[in-house]
Structure formats: structure tokens, C-alpha cells
C-alpha atoms as a PDB file:
ATOM      1  CA  UNK A   1      -7.645  12.333  47.262  1.00  0.00           C
ATOM      2  CA  UNK A   2      -8.585  15.938  48.620  1.00  0.00           C
ATOM      3  CA  UNK A   3      -9.490  19.162  46.736  1.00  0.00           C
ATOM      4  CA  UNK A   4      -5.960  20.292  47.466  1.00  0.00           C
ATOM      5  CA  UNK A   5      -4.283  17.578  45.642  1.00  0.00           C
ATOM      6  CA  UNK A   6      -6.061  18.291  42.358  1.00  0.00           C
ATOM      7  CA  UNK A   7      -5.602  22.139  42.447  1.00  0.00           C
ATOM      8  CA  UNK A   8      -9.075  23.112  41.924  1.00  0.00           C
ATOM      9  CA  UNK A   9      -9.094  26.670  43.168  1.00  0.00           C
ATOM     10  CA  UNK A  10     -12.615  29.298  43.760  1.00  0.00           C
ATOM     11  CA  UNK A  11     -11.674  31.742  41.687  1.00  0.00           C
ATOM     12  CA  UNK A  12     -15.045  33.427  41.254  1.00  0.00           C
ATOM     13  CA  UNK A  13     -18.779  34.293  42.309  1.00  0.00           C
ATOM     14  CA  UNK A  14     -21.898  34.252  40.883  1.00  0.00           C
ATOM     15  CA  UNK A  15     -24.966  36.090  42.251  1.00  0.00           C
ATOM     16  CA  UNK A  16     -27.786  33.275  42.360  1.00  0.00           C
ATOM     17  CA  UNK A  17     -30.746  35.476  43.586  1.00  0.00           C
ATOM     18  CA  UNK A  18     -31.056  39.567  44.392  1.00  0.00           C
ATOM     19  CA  UNK A  19     -31.488  40.394  47.838  1.00  0.00           C
ATOM     20  CA  UNK A  20     -33.153  43.035  47.141  1.00  0.00           C
ATOM     21  CA  UNK A  21     -36.068  40.942  45.401  1.00  0.00           C
ATOM     22  CA  UNK A  22     -35.992  38.975  48.943  1.00  0.00           C
ATOM     23  CA  UNK A  23     -36.461  42.589  50.746  1.00  0.00           C
ATOM     24  CA  UNK A  24     -39.594  43.166  48.604  1.00  0.00           C
ATOM     25  CA  UNK A  25     -41.153  39.741  48.977  1.00  0.00           C
ATOM     26  CA  UNK A  26     -40.743  40.489  52.784  1.00  0.00           C
ATOM     27  CA  UNK A  27     -42.891  43.531  52.105  1.00  0.00           C
ATOM     28  CA  UNK A  28     -46.008  41.703  50.770  1.00  0.00           C
ATOM     29  CA  UNK A  29     -48.863  41.241  53.292  1.00  0.00           C
ATOM     30  CA  UNK A  30     -48.941  37.554  52.718  1.00  0.00           C
ATOM     31  CA  UNK A  31     -45.705  36.786  53.613  1.00  0.00           C
ATOM     32  CA  UNK A  32     -45.847  38.204  57.294  1.00  0.00           C
ATOM     33  CA  UNK A  33     -48.696  35.090  57.715  1.00  0.00           C
ATOM     34  CA  UNK A  34     -46.080  32.285  57.008  1.00  0.00           C
ATOM     35  CA  UNK A  35     -43.639  31.995  59.472  1.00  0.00           C
ATOM     36  CA  UNK A  36     -41.592  29.216  57.842  1.00  0.00           C
ATOM     37  CA  UNK A  37     -41.302  31.392  54.407  1.00  0.00           C
ATOM     38  CA  UNK A  38     -40.170  34.331  56.909  1.00  0.00           C
ATOM     39  CA  UNK A  39     -37.636  32.182  58.006  1.00  0.00           C
ATOM     40  CA  UNK A  40     -36.515  31.450  54.778  1.00  0.00           C
ATOM     41  CA  UNK A  41     -36.332  35.128  53.477  1.00  0.00           C
ATOM     42  CA  UNK A  42     -34.201  35.901  56.829  1.00  0.00           C
ATOM     43  CA  UNK A  43     -31.880  32.957  55.847  1.00  0.00           C
ATOM     44  CA  UNK A  44     -31.391  34.228  52.315  1.00  0.00           C
ATOM     45  CA  UNK A  45     -31.082  37.919  53.414  1.00  0.00           C
ATOM     46  CA  UNK A  46     -28.354  36.694  56.189  1.00  0.00           C
ATOM     47  CA  UNK A  47     -26.495  34.393  53.468  1.00  0.00           C
ATOM     48  CA  UNK A  48     -26.683  37.017  50.930  1.00  0.00           C
ATOM     49  CA  UNK A  49     -27.104  36.139  46.984  1.00  0.00           C
ATOM     50  CA  UNK A  50     -23.507  35.444  45.952  1.00  0.00           C
ATOM     51  CA  UNK A  51     -22.067  31.710  45.922  1.00  0.00           C
ATOM     52  CA  UNK A  52     -18.625  30.332  44.693  1.00  0.00           C
ATOM     53  CA  UNK A  53     -18.450  28.944  41.253  1.00  0.00           C
ATOM     54  CA  UNK A  54     -15.703  26.270  40.904  1.00  0.00           C
ATOM     55  CA  UNK A  55     -12.888  26.936  38.010  1.00  0.00           C
ATOM     56  CA  UNK A  56     -10.489  24.158  37.095  1.00  0.00           C
ATOM     57  CA  UNK A  57      -6.923  24.694  36.810  1.00  0.00           C
ATOM     58  CA  UNK A  58      -6.208  21.793  34.676  1.00  0.00           C
ATOM     59  CA  UNK A  59      -8.528  19.378  32.582  1.00  0.00           C
ATOM     60  CA  UNK A  60      -6.240  16.344  34.330  1.00  0.00           C
ATOM     61  CA  UNK A  61      -8.436  17.361  37.430  1.00  0.00           C
ATOM     62  CA  UNK A  62     -10.512  13.963  36.359  1.00  0.00           C
ATOM     63  CA  UNK A  63      -7.562  11.914  35.942  1.00  0.00           C
ATOM     64  CA  UNK A  64      -7.512   9.656  38.845  1.00  0.00           C
ATOM     65  CA  UNK A  65     -11.092   8.501  38.073  1.00  0.00           C
ATOM     66  CA  UNK A  66      -9.841   6.727  35.850  1.00  0.00           C
ATOM     67  CA  UNK A  67      -8.496   4.216  38.429  1.00  0.00           C
ATOM     68  CA  UNK A  68     -11.000   4.723  40.973  1.00  0.00           C
ATOM     69  CA  UNK A  69     -13.936   4.161  38.275  1.00  0.00           C
ATOM     70  CA  UNK A  70     -12.471   2.597  35.657  1.00  0.00           C
ATOM     71  CA  UNK A  71     -15.603   1.689  33.624  1.00  0.00           C
ATOM     72  CA  UNK A  72     -16.523   5.037  33.533  1.00  0.00           C
ATOM     73  CA  UNK A  73     -13.934   5.970  31.122  1.00  0.00           C
ATOM     74  CA  UNK A  74     -15.976   7.265  28.122  1.00  0.00           C
ATOM     75  CA  UNK A  75     -17.874   9.516  30.446  1.00  0.00           C
ATOM     76  CA  UNK A  76     -14.638  10.785  31.844  1.00  0.00           C
ATOM     77  CA  UNK A  77     -13.338  11.524  28.583  1.00  0.00           C
ATOM     78  CA  UNK A  78     -15.796  13.489  27.407  1.00  0.00           C
ATOM     79  CA  UNK A  79     -15.765  15.450  30.618  1.00  0.00           C
ATOM     80  CA  UNK A  80     -12.327  16.382  30.242  1.00  0.00           C
ATOM     81  CA  UNK A  81     -12.990  18.243  27.209  1.00  0.00           C
ATOM     82  CA  UNK A  82     -15.770  20.250  29.247  1.00  0.00           C
ATOM     83  CA  UNK A  83     -12.916  20.778  31.656  1.00  0.00           C
ATOM     84  CA  UNK A  84     -10.340  21.783  29.004  1.00  0.00           C
ATOM     85  CA  UNK A  85     -12.721  24.539  27.896  1.00  0.00           C
ATOM     86  CA  UNK A  86     -13.555  25.844  31.175  1.00  0.00           C
ATOM     87  CA  UNK A  87      -9.555  26.173  31.655  1.00  0.00           C
ATOM     88  CA  UNK A  88      -8.970  27.576  27.901  1.00  0.00           C
ATOM     89  CA  UNK A  89     -11.576  30.188  28.638  1.00  0.00           C
ATOM     90  CA  UNK A  90     -11.046  31.045  32.621  1.00  0.00           C
ATOM     91  CA  UNK A  91     -14.598  29.939  33.382  1.00  0.00           C
ATOM     92  CA  UNK A  92     -16.746  28.036  35.832  1.00  0.00           C
ATOM     93  CA  UNK A  93     -16.781  24.105  35.386  1.00  0.00           C
ATOM     94  CA  UNK A  94     -19.863  23.267  33.124  1.00  0.00           C
ATOM     95  CA  UNK A  95     -20.972  20.135  31.352  1.00  0.00           C
ATOM     96  CA  UNK A  96     -24.531  18.946  29.740  1.00  0.00           C
ATOM     97  CA  UNK A  97     -26.467  17.148  31.716  1.00  0.00           C
ATOM     98  CA  UNK A  98     -25.449  13.609  32.179  1.00  0.00           C
ATOM     99  CA  UNK A  99     -27.650  10.249  32.141  1.00  0.00           C
ATOM    100  CA  UNK A 100     -25.799   7.134  33.664  1.00  0.00           C
ATOM    101  CA  UNK A 101     -27.577   3.671  32.379  1.00  0.00           C
ATOM    102  CA  UNK A 102     -26.341   0.315  33.891  1.00  0.00           C
ATOM    103  CA  UNK A 103     -27.354  -2.647  35.809  1.00  0.00           C
ATOM    104  CA  UNK A 104     -27.803  -1.962  39.632  1.00  0.00           C
ATOM    105  CA  UNK A 105     -24.432  -2.067  41.900  1.00  0.00           C
ATOM    106  CA  UNK A 106     -21.996  -1.045  38.881  1.00  0.00           C
ATOM    107  CA  UNK A 107     -20.713   2.170  40.995  1.00  0.00           C
ATOM    108  CA  UNK A 108     -22.648   4.698  38.991  1.00  0.00           C
ATOM    109  CA  UNK A 109     -23.720   6.849  42.185  1.00  0.00           C
ATOM    110  CA  UNK A 110     -20.184   6.106  43.360  1.00  0.00           C
ATOM    111  CA  UNK A 111     -18.833   7.696  40.356  1.00  0.00           C
ATOM    112  CA  UNK A 112     -20.944  10.920  40.564  1.00  0.00           C
ATOM    113  CA  UNK A 113     -19.697  11.348  44.246  1.00  0.00           C
ATOM    114  CA  UNK A 114     -16.162  10.980  43.567  1.00  0.00           C
ATOM    115  CA  UNK A 115     -16.934  13.370  40.231  1.00  0.00           C
ATOM    116  CA  UNK A 116     -17.868  16.159  42.541  1.00  0.00           C
ATOM    117  CA  UNK A 117     -15.172  15.331  44.636  1.00  0.00           C
ATOM    118  CA  UNK A 118     -12.773  15.811  42.222  1.00  0.00           C
ATOM    119  CA  UNK A 119     -14.302  19.074  40.758  1.00  0.00           C
ATOM    120  CA  UNK A 120     -14.209  20.543  44.187  1.00  0.00           C
ATOM    121  CA  UNK A 121     -17.762  21.668  44.789  1.00  0.00           C
ATOM    122  CA  UNK A 122     -20.846  20.985  46.310  1.00  0.00           C
ATOM    123  CA  UNK A 123     -23.006  17.323  46.459  1.00  0.00           C
ATOM    124  CA  UNK A 124     -26.082  16.737  46.597  1.00  0.00           C
ATOM    125  CA  UNK A 125     -28.445  13.251  46.422  1.00  0.00           C
ATOM    126  CA  UNK A 126     -32.102  13.339  45.221  1.00  0.00           C
ATOM    127  CA  UNK A 127     -33.376   9.489  45.282  1.00  0.00           C
ATOM    128  CA  UNK A 128     -35.765   9.819  42.487  1.00  0.00           C
ATOM    129  CA  UNK A 129     -37.422   6.324  43.365  1.00  0.00           C
ATOM    130  CA  UNK A 130     -39.152   8.224  46.361  1.00  0.00           C
ATOM    131  CA  UNK A 131     -40.057  11.046  44.576  1.00  0.00           C
ATOM    132  CA  UNK A 132     -43.698  11.525  44.050  1.00  0.00           C
ATOM    133  CA  UNK A 133     -44.001  14.922  43.356  1.00  0.00           C
ATOM    134  CA  UNK A 134     -42.331  17.725  41.460  1.00  0.00           C
ATOM    135  CA  UNK A 135     -42.492  20.257  44.333  1.00  0.00           C
ATOM    136  CA  UNK A 136     -39.719  17.813  46.005  1.00  0.00           C
ATOM    137  CA  UNK A 137     -37.561  19.607  43.419  1.00  0.00           C
ATOM    138  CA  UNK A 138     -38.941  22.690  43.026  1.00  0.00           C
ATOM    139  CA  UNK A 139     -40.866  23.677  46.445  1.00  0.00           C
ATOM    140  CA  UNK A 140     -44.622  23.629  46.786  1.00  0.00           C
ATOM    141  CA  UNK A 141     -46.815  26.594  47.066  1.00  0.00           C
ATOM    142  CA  UNK A 142     -46.831  28.516  50.394  1.00  0.00           C
ATOM    143  CA  UNK A 143     -50.086  28.704  50.859  1.00  0.00           C
ATOM    144  CA  UNK A 144     -50.300  24.842  51.109  1.00  0.00           C
ATOM    145  CA  UNK A 145     -49.892  23.736  54.728  1.00  0.00           C
ATOM    146  CA  UNK A 146     -46.693  22.492  55.893  1.00  0.00           C
ATOM    147  CA  UNK A 147     -45.013  23.749  52.413  1.00  0.00           C
ATOM    148  CA  UNK A 148     -41.455  23.892  52.006  1.00  0.00           C
ATOM    149  CA  UNK A 149     -38.763  25.093  49.414  1.00  0.00           C
ATOM    150  CA  UNK A 150     -37.322  22.277  47.119  1.00  0.00           C
ATOM    151  CA  UNK A 151     -34.277  20.588  46.944  1.00  0.00           C
ATOM    152  CA  UNK A 152     -32.995  23.004  44.277  1.00  0.00           C
ATOM    153  CA  UNK A 153     -33.315  26.137  46.332  1.00  0.00           C
ATOM    154  CA  UNK A 154     -32.258  24.226  49.209  1.00  0.00           C
ATOM    155  CA  UNK A 155     -29.000  23.449  47.877  1.00  0.00           C
ATOM    156  CA  UNK A 156     -28.605  26.771  46.375  1.00  0.00           C
ATOM    157  CA  UNK A 157     -29.935  28.802  49.332  1.00  0.00           C
ATOM    158  CA  UNK A 158     -27.532  26.697  52.076  1.00  0.00           C
ATOM    159  CA  UNK A 159     -24.663  25.745  50.326  1.00  0.00           C
ATOM    160  CA  UNK A 160     -21.300  27.570  49.575  1.00  0.00           C
ATOM    161  CA  UNK A 161     -21.512  26.914  45.145  1.00  0.00           C
ATOM    162  CA  UNK A 162     -23.214  28.246  42.394  1.00  0.00           C
ATOM    163  CA  UNK A 163     -22.361  24.944  40.734  1.00  0.00           C
ATOM    164  CA  UNK A 164     -22.804  22.156  42.835  1.00  0.00           C
ATOM    165  CA  UNK A 165     -23.302  18.794  41.397  1.00  0.00           C
ATOM    166  CA  UNK A 166     -26.880  17.445  41.786  1.00  0.00           C
ATOM    167  CA  UNK A 167     -27.320  13.566  41.453  1.00  0.00           C
ATOM    168  CA  UNK A 168     -30.886  12.413  40.534  1.00  0.00           C
ATOM    169  CA  UNK A 169     -30.602   8.549  41.450  1.00  0.00           C
ATOM    170  CA  UNK A 170     -32.488   6.061  39.487  1.00  0.00           C
ATOM    171  CA  UNK A 171     -34.438   8.531  37.707  1.00  0.00           C
ATOM    172  CA  UNK A 172     -36.534   6.048  35.927  1.00  0.00           C
ATOM    173  CA  UNK A 173     -38.280   4.658  39.394  1.00  0.00           C
ATOM    174  CA  UNK A 174     -39.396   8.129  39.870  1.00  0.00           C
ATOM    175  CA  UNK A 175     -43.296   7.941  40.097  1.00  0.00           C
ATOM    176  CA  UNK A 176     -46.700   9.145  41.394  1.00  0.00           C
ATOM    177  CA  UNK A 177     -49.906  11.168  40.300  1.00  0.00           C
ATOM    178  CA  UNK A 178     -49.514  12.419  36.642  1.00  0.00           C
ATOM    179  CA  UNK A 179     -50.685  15.627  37.886  1.00  0.00           C
ATOM    180  CA  UNK A 180     -47.723  16.545  40.202  1.00  0.00           C
ATOM    181  CA  UNK A 181     -45.581  15.066  37.760  1.00  0.00           C
ATOM    182  CA  UNK A 182     -42.115  14.358  39.575  1.00  0.00           C
ATOM    183  CA  UNK A 183     -40.434  15.111  36.077  1.00  0.00           C
ATOM    184  CA  UNK A 184     -41.940  17.902  35.585  1.00  0.00           C
ATOM    185  CA  UNK A 185     -39.254  20.778  36.851  1.00  0.00           C
ATOM    186  CA  UNK A 186     -36.635  18.977  35.175  1.00  0.00           C
ATOM    187  CA  UNK A 187     -37.966  20.191  31.326  1.00  0.00           C
ATOM    188  CA  UNK A 188     -36.994  24.144  32.794  1.00  0.00           C
ATOM    189  CA  UNK A 189     -34.270  23.200  35.055  1.00  0.00           C
ATOM    190  CA  UNK A 190     -32.186  20.849  32.181  1.00  0.00           C
ATOM    191  CA  UNK A 191     -32.043  23.535  30.210  1.00  0.00           C
ATOM    192  CA  UNK A 192     -29.971  26.541  30.805  1.00  0.00           C
ATOM    193  CA  UNK A 193     -31.824  29.440  29.530  1.00  0.00           C
ATOM    194  CA  UNK A 194     -35.104  28.697  31.336  1.00  0.00           C
ATOM    195  CA  UNK A 195     -32.817  27.542  34.803  1.00  0.00           C
ATOM    196  CA  UNK A 196     -31.420  31.341  34.611  1.00  0.00           C
ATOM    197  CA  UNK A 197     -34.816  32.180  35.844  1.00  0.00           C
ATOM    198  CA  UNK A 198     -36.028  29.695  37.719  1.00  0.00           C
ATOM    199  CA  UNK A 199     -38.603  30.152  40.703  1.00  0.00           C
ATOM    200  CA  UNK A 200     -39.377  27.601  43.364  1.00  0.00           C
ATOM    201  CA  UNK A 201     -42.776  27.662  44.311  1.00  0.00           C
ATOM    202  CA  UNK A 202     -42.280  28.192  47.985  1.00  0.00           C
ATOM    203  CA  UNK A 203     -39.806  30.973  47.232  1.00  0.00           C
ATOM    204  CA  UNK A 204     -41.206  32.475  44.320  1.00  0.00           C
ATOM    205  CA  UNK A 205     -38.139  34.714  43.832  1.00  0.00           C
ATOM    206  CA  UNK A 206     -36.064  34.356  40.407  1.00  0.00           C
ATOM    207  CA  UNK A 207     -33.038  32.322  40.997  1.00  0.00           C
ATOM    208  CA  UNK A 208     -30.027  31.139  38.653  1.00  0.00           C
ATOM    209  CA  UNK A 209     -30.028  27.697  38.585  1.00  0.00           C
ATOM    210  CA  UNK A 210     -28.322  27.299  35.092  1.00  0.00           C
ATOM    211  CA  UNK A 211     -24.561  26.588  36.826  1.00  0.00           C
ATOM    212  CA  UNK A 212     -26.061  23.218  38.607  1.00  0.00           C
ATOM    213  CA  UNK A 213     -24.242  20.252  37.310  1.00  0.00           C
ATOM    214  CA  UNK A 214     -26.797  17.451  36.696  1.00  0.00           C
ATOM    215  CA  UNK A 215     -25.611  13.698  36.716  1.00  0.00           C
ATOM    216  CA  UNK A 216     -28.599  11.124  36.624  1.00  0.00           C
ATOM    217  CA  UNK A 217     -28.486   7.515  36.853  1.00  0.00           C
ATOM    218  CA  UNK A 218     -30.974   4.866  35.738  1.00  0.00           C
ATOM    219  CA  UNK A 219     -31.058   1.146  35.238  1.00  0.00           C
ATOM    220  CA  UNK A 220     -32.855   1.464  31.786  1.00  0.00           C
ATOM    221  CA  UNK A 221     -34.194   4.357  29.776  1.00  0.00           C
ATOM    222  CA  UNK A 222     -37.563   3.079  28.647  1.00  0.00           C
ATOM    223  CA  UNK A 223     -39.586   4.872  30.993  1.00  0.00           C
ATOM    224  CA  UNK A 224     -37.974   8.155  30.528  1.00  0.00           C
ATOM    225  CA  UNK A 225     -39.868  10.881  28.605  1.00  0.00           C
ATOM    226  CA  UNK A 226     -38.288  11.930  25.201  1.00  0.00           C
ATOM    227  CA  UNK A 227     -38.077  15.352  25.960  1.00  0.00           C
ATOM    228  CA  UNK A 228     -36.079  14.591  29.145  1.00  0.00           C
ATOM    229  CA  UNK A 229     -33.665  12.126  27.525  1.00  0.00           C
ATOM    230  CA  UNK A 230     -33.314  14.961  24.628  1.00  0.00           C
ATOM    231  CA  UNK A 231     -31.537  17.380  27.301  1.00  0.00           C
ATOM    232  CA  UNK A 232     -28.997  14.786  28.638  1.00  0.00           C
ATOM    233  CA  UNK A 233     -25.644  12.818  27.175  1.00  0.00           C
ATOM    234  CA  UNK A 234     -26.848   9.445  27.688  1.00  0.00           C
ATOM    235  CA  UNK A 235     -23.834   6.917  28.503  1.00  0.00           C
ATOM    236  CA  UNK A 236     -24.539   3.233  28.426  1.00  0.00           C
ATOM    237  CA  UNK A 237     -21.806   2.202  31.446  1.00  0.00           C
ATOM    238  CA  UNK A 238     -20.731  -1.516  31.268  1.00  0.00           C
ATOM    239  CA  UNK A 239     -19.790  -3.539  34.016  1.00  0.00           C
ATOM    240  CA  UNK A 240     -16.164  -3.468  35.354  1.00  0.00           C
ATOM    241  CA  UNK A 241     -13.867  -6.088  33.064  1.00  0.00           C
ATOM    242  CA  UNK A 242     -11.626  -8.600  35.119  1.00  0.00           C
ATOM    243  CA  UNK A 243      -8.736  -6.369  35.566  1.00  0.00           C
ATOM    244  CA  UNK A 244     -10.934  -3.016  36.456  1.00  0.00           C
ATOM    245  CA  UNK A 245     -12.733  -5.299  38.795  1.00  0.00           C
ATOM    246  CA  UNK A 246      -9.648  -6.955  40.391  1.00  0.00           C
ATOM    247  CA  UNK A 247      -8.422  -3.013  40.943  1.00  0.00           C
ATOM    248  CA  UNK A 248     -11.477  -1.657  42.348  1.00  0.00           C
ATOM    249  CA  UNK A 249     -11.405  -4.720  44.852  1.00  0.00           C
ATOM    250  CA  UNK A 250      -7.404  -3.859  45.814  1.00  0.00           C
ATOM    251  CA  UNK A 251      -8.562  -0.024  46.467  1.00  0.00           C
ATOM    252  CA  UNK A 252     -11.528  -0.675  48.619  1.00  0.00           C
ATOM    253  CA  UNK A 253      -9.436  -3.119  50.513  1.00  0.00           C
ATOM    254  CA  UNK A 254      -6.718  -0.257  50.852  1.00  0.00           C
ATOM    255  CA  UNK A 255      -9.234   2.247  51.786  1.00  0.00           C
ATOM    256  CA  UNK A 256     -10.950   0.397  54.378  1.00  0.00           C
ATOM    257  CA  UNK A 257      -7.581  -0.877  56.053  1.00  0.00           C
ATOM    258  CA  UNK A 258      -6.376   2.789  55.982  1.00  0.00           C
ATOM    259  CA  UNK A 259      -9.429   4.274  57.956  1.00  0.00           C
ATOM    260  CA  UNK A 260      -9.443   1.209  60.818  1.00  0.00           C
ATOM    261  CA  UNK A 261      -6.691   0.210  63.121  1.00  0.00           C
ATOM    262  CA  UNK A 262      -7.831  -3.356  62.862  1.00  0.00           C
ATOM    263  CA  UNK A 263      -4.406  -4.648  62.350  1.00  0.00           C
ATOM    264  CA  UNK A 264      -4.594  -5.903  59.104  1.00  0.00           C
ATOM    265  CA  UNK A 265      -1.430  -5.703  56.196  1.00  0.00           C
ATOM    266  CA  UNK A 266      -1.844  -2.603  53.982  1.00  0.00           C
ATOM    267  CA  UNK A 267      -1.582  -4.520  50.774  1.00  0.00           C
ATOM    268  CA  UNK A 268      -4.585  -6.728  49.871  1.00  0.00           C
ATOM    269  CA  UNK A 269      -4.001 -10.520  49.386  1.00  0.00           C
ATOM    270  CA  UNK A 270      -4.375 -11.347  45.730  1.00  0.00           C
ATOM    271  CA  UNK A 271      -6.087 -14.548  45.613  1.00  0.00           C
ATOM    272  CA  UNK A 272      -8.784 -13.073  47.716  1.00  0.00           C
ATOM    273  CA  UNK A 273      -9.454 -10.239  45.721  1.00  0.00           C
ATOM    274  CA  UNK A 274      -9.683 -12.454  42.761  1.00  0.00           C
ATOM    275  CA  UNK A 275     -12.518 -14.069  44.562  1.00  0.00           C
ATOM    276  CA  UNK A 276     -13.996 -10.730  45.660  1.00  0.00           C
ATOM    277  CA  UNK A 277     -13.536  -9.177  41.999  1.00  0.00           C
ATOM    278  CA  UNK A 278     -16.577 -11.229  40.383  1.00  0.00           C
ATOM    279  CA  UNK A 279     -19.103  -9.052  42.343  1.00  0.00           C
ATOM    280  CA  UNK A 280     -20.612  -5.621  41.365  1.00  0.00           C
ATOM    281  CA  UNK A 281     -18.971  -2.868  43.070  1.00  0.00           C
ATOM    282  CA  UNK A 282     -21.534  -2.091  45.283  1.00  0.00           C
ATOM    283  CA  UNK A 283     -21.451  -5.532  47.048  1.00  0.00           C
ATOM    284  CA  UNK A 284     -17.435  -5.486  47.231  1.00  0.00           C
ATOM    285  CA  UNK A 285     -17.540  -3.465  50.199  1.00  0.00           C
ATOM    286  CA  UNK A 286     -20.396  -5.095  52.017  1.00  0.00           C
ATOM    287  CA  UNK A 287     -18.215  -8.564  51.611  1.00  0.00           C
ATOM    288  CA  UNK A 288     -15.251  -7.113  52.638  1.00  0.00           C
ATOM    289  CA  UNK A 289     -16.350  -5.936  55.706  1.00  0.00           C
ATOM    290  CA  UNK A 290     -17.982  -9.528  56.395  1.00  0.00           C
ATOM    291  CA  UNK A 291     -15.070 -10.662  55.753  1.00  0.00           C
ATOM    292  CA  UNK A 292     -12.499  -8.744  57.772  1.00  0.00           C
ATOM    293  CA  UNK A 293     -14.724  -9.708  60.603  1.00  0.00           C
ATOM    294  CA  UNK A 294     -14.680 -13.036  60.122  1.00  0.00           C
ATOM    295  CA  UNK A 295     -10.795 -13.360  60.280  1.00  0.00           C
ATOM    296  CA  UNK A 296     -11.080 -11.491  63.342  1.00  0.00           C
ATOM    297  CA  UNK A 297     -13.482 -14.217  64.920  1.00  0.00           C
ATOM    298  CA  UNK A 298     -10.907 -16.553  63.568  1.00  0.00           C
ATOM    299  CA  UNK A 299      -8.011 -14.937  65.275  1.00  0.00           C
ATOM    300  CA  UNK A 300      -6.394 -13.873  62.131  1.00  0.00           C
ATOM    301  CA  UNK A 301      -5.266 -10.197  61.239  1.00  0.00           C
ATOM    302  CA  UNK A 302      -5.163 -11.468  57.214  1.00  0.00           C
ATOM    303  CA  UNK A 303      -7.994 -12.148  54.917  1.00  0.00           C
ATOM    304  CA  UNK A 304      -8.305 -15.526  53.104  1.00  0.00           C
ATOM    305  CA  UNK A 305     -10.220 -16.891  50.358  1.00  0.00           C
ATOM    306  CA  UNK A 306     -12.536 -18.987  52.966  1.00  0.00           C
ATOM    307  CA  UNK A 307     -13.620 -15.898  54.829  1.00  0.00           C
ATOM    308  CA  UNK A 308     -15.433 -14.546  51.569  1.00  0.00           C
ATOM    309  CA  UNK A 309     -17.323 -17.697  51.254  1.00  0.00           C
ATOM    310  CA  UNK A 310     -17.605 -16.978  47.528  1.00  0.00           C
ATOM    311  CA  UNK A 311     -16.890 -19.512  44.305  1.00  0.00           C
ATOM    312  CA  UNK A 312     -13.657 -18.314  43.208  1.00  0.00           C
ATOM    313  CA  UNK A 313     -13.442 -17.423  39.468  1.00  0.00           C
ATOM    314  CA  UNK A 314     -11.387 -19.632  37.219  1.00  0.00           C
ATOM    315  CA  UNK A 315      -8.854 -17.988  35.125  1.00  0.00           C
ATOM    316  CA  UNK A 316      -5.429 -16.406  34.663  1.00  0.00           C
ATOM    317  CA  UNK A 317      -3.878 -14.695  37.481  1.00  0.00           C
ATOM    318  CA  UNK A 318      -3.652 -11.121  37.332  1.00  0.00           C
ATOM    319  CA  UNK A 319      -0.782  -9.193  37.021  1.00  0.00           C
ATOM    320  CA  UNK A 320       0.297  -6.973  40.150  1.00  0.00           C
ATOM    321  CA  UNK A 321      -2.322  -4.466  42.138  1.00  0.00           C
END
């Protein structure tokens, strides 16, 4: 699926920072002593302060996600309401920050990536499990050695969009020294009014981060601060049921076959997909790739159940692909 297929136009722009503010900051005596800061300011001037905002032309833009991410139907239902309002008001895409809860491997990160693709906006991934300090998101003071801007400022300045989708993956695993709370920057960024006057510690210029679309993932909400949870719409995402898992397995098969000239049939063998369907979506692709290799080593261009070396599930045969 391409952006053209879902007909999402880029219909407007927003100023996310003022170039005059950048020029004024460059005149500060301390700025000249920091080559990295000067270089970033120069980049900001060159790129200008305006960025595209995506405006949807139809609330149906997310409908393909029901097929590709069937266990996220409750999330998609609510997002379509936000799109309907944006279409009605000729406004940019916007929705409240989302937290996707569920066991590992059920497709939370995949869904966020597909959502960004369906909306036609930018995408940025932040692994919170490796995040040990808030400056990763909001920058470190330019007075520190090796300081640099955070993910938010870098995404807004370097990207094409004022409303990119930023994924905070495994937000429940963020850790580090309590003095440099990695969640600290989110208190302001997840609130519309404070995000409008966001200041990266390194850049130290007001930026409008209020258009950012936030999607967080977690296995468990127990370790998350209540003020953060209160700023998000929280969804418990189930593991796909049998029919949904079967459709996901078939879709992955077709995607892989279409991307490679290996000689496998376009349509997947149903019995092999039944075997694959009992795995979490994250593991399906790995198992499929191994099975393709096993088949080729055996001199075949079709998959068989034994290529997966997995126990076959009992139960009724699924209907169609």
C-alpha cells in the first residue's frame, strides 16, 4: 500500500520555529564557542521553520489496517473517529497519545509503522529500553561536552512534517538515574499547550511540538507513572485469534514472495500457513524465511508443513485466504 493509494494530500504547513529566533541565538557570544550548535543553527536557517502537516481526505484511510493488523481493530475504530473530525474541519491529523499494551511479539511496533504509512506522515522510532536519560528526547545543554539535540528537535528540524508519528517502544522499560528521568520530557510533550512551546535543552529555541503523533508500546503498565498514563489513551491489545493469525501468516507469505525472485507460488499453501499461525506475528517472518531456505535446500519451490519444524495445531480447517 502506498500513500497514493489512500489519497492523503499534503494540504497545509505550520511554522514549528521562527528563523528570526535562530538568527538571534546565533548572535549570542556563547554560541560561537560551540561548533556543533552553530552547525545546527545553520541547518535550521537553511531548512526554514515551516513543515508540512498531513490532512486526511477520508476517514477510510485506515481501513486497510483492519486486514493487516486485525487484532488492533479497537484502536483503529477510535483513530477513525479522529480522522473523521479532521476531515470535517479540514484540519491536520491529530489524536491523543496512544499506549499499546500487550505481550511481546503481537505486532505493536508493526502497527505503529503501518499507521504512519497509512497516514502518509513521517515516522521516528525511539527504543525506550535503551533510554537512560531524558536528554535523549529533549536534548542536553550545549554547555556539556558532546551535547546534541534530542530526538524531538532532530525529527522536527530534519524531517518534512510538523506532525510526524513518533513511536516510544517499550516505554515501560525506560530506566536510569532518577536525577535524569527519561520520562521527564514526556510530561510536557504529551500536553498540547506545553508542547507548543517546547524547548530542546541543546537548541534552546521555542519549537512547536504540539502536532506530533505519539504512539507508545509496553508489555505492562504497572511501572509507568500515573501522570504519564493519564495523558494517554490506553489499549490492551490481544494476541490475534486463529483466523486473524492465519490471515497475517498468508499476508507475510505474499509480501516475502513478491519481494524476491525465488520461484515460489504467489499464493501460500494453506496447511503450512495453519502451522505458522500459532506463532506470535513477530516470529512468523523469521520462521517463514527459514522455511523458504529449507525448501530450497531440498530442491523445492513450494513450502511444506515439515519445512517449519513446528507442531501443527489441531482444529477445523480455515476458510480461504
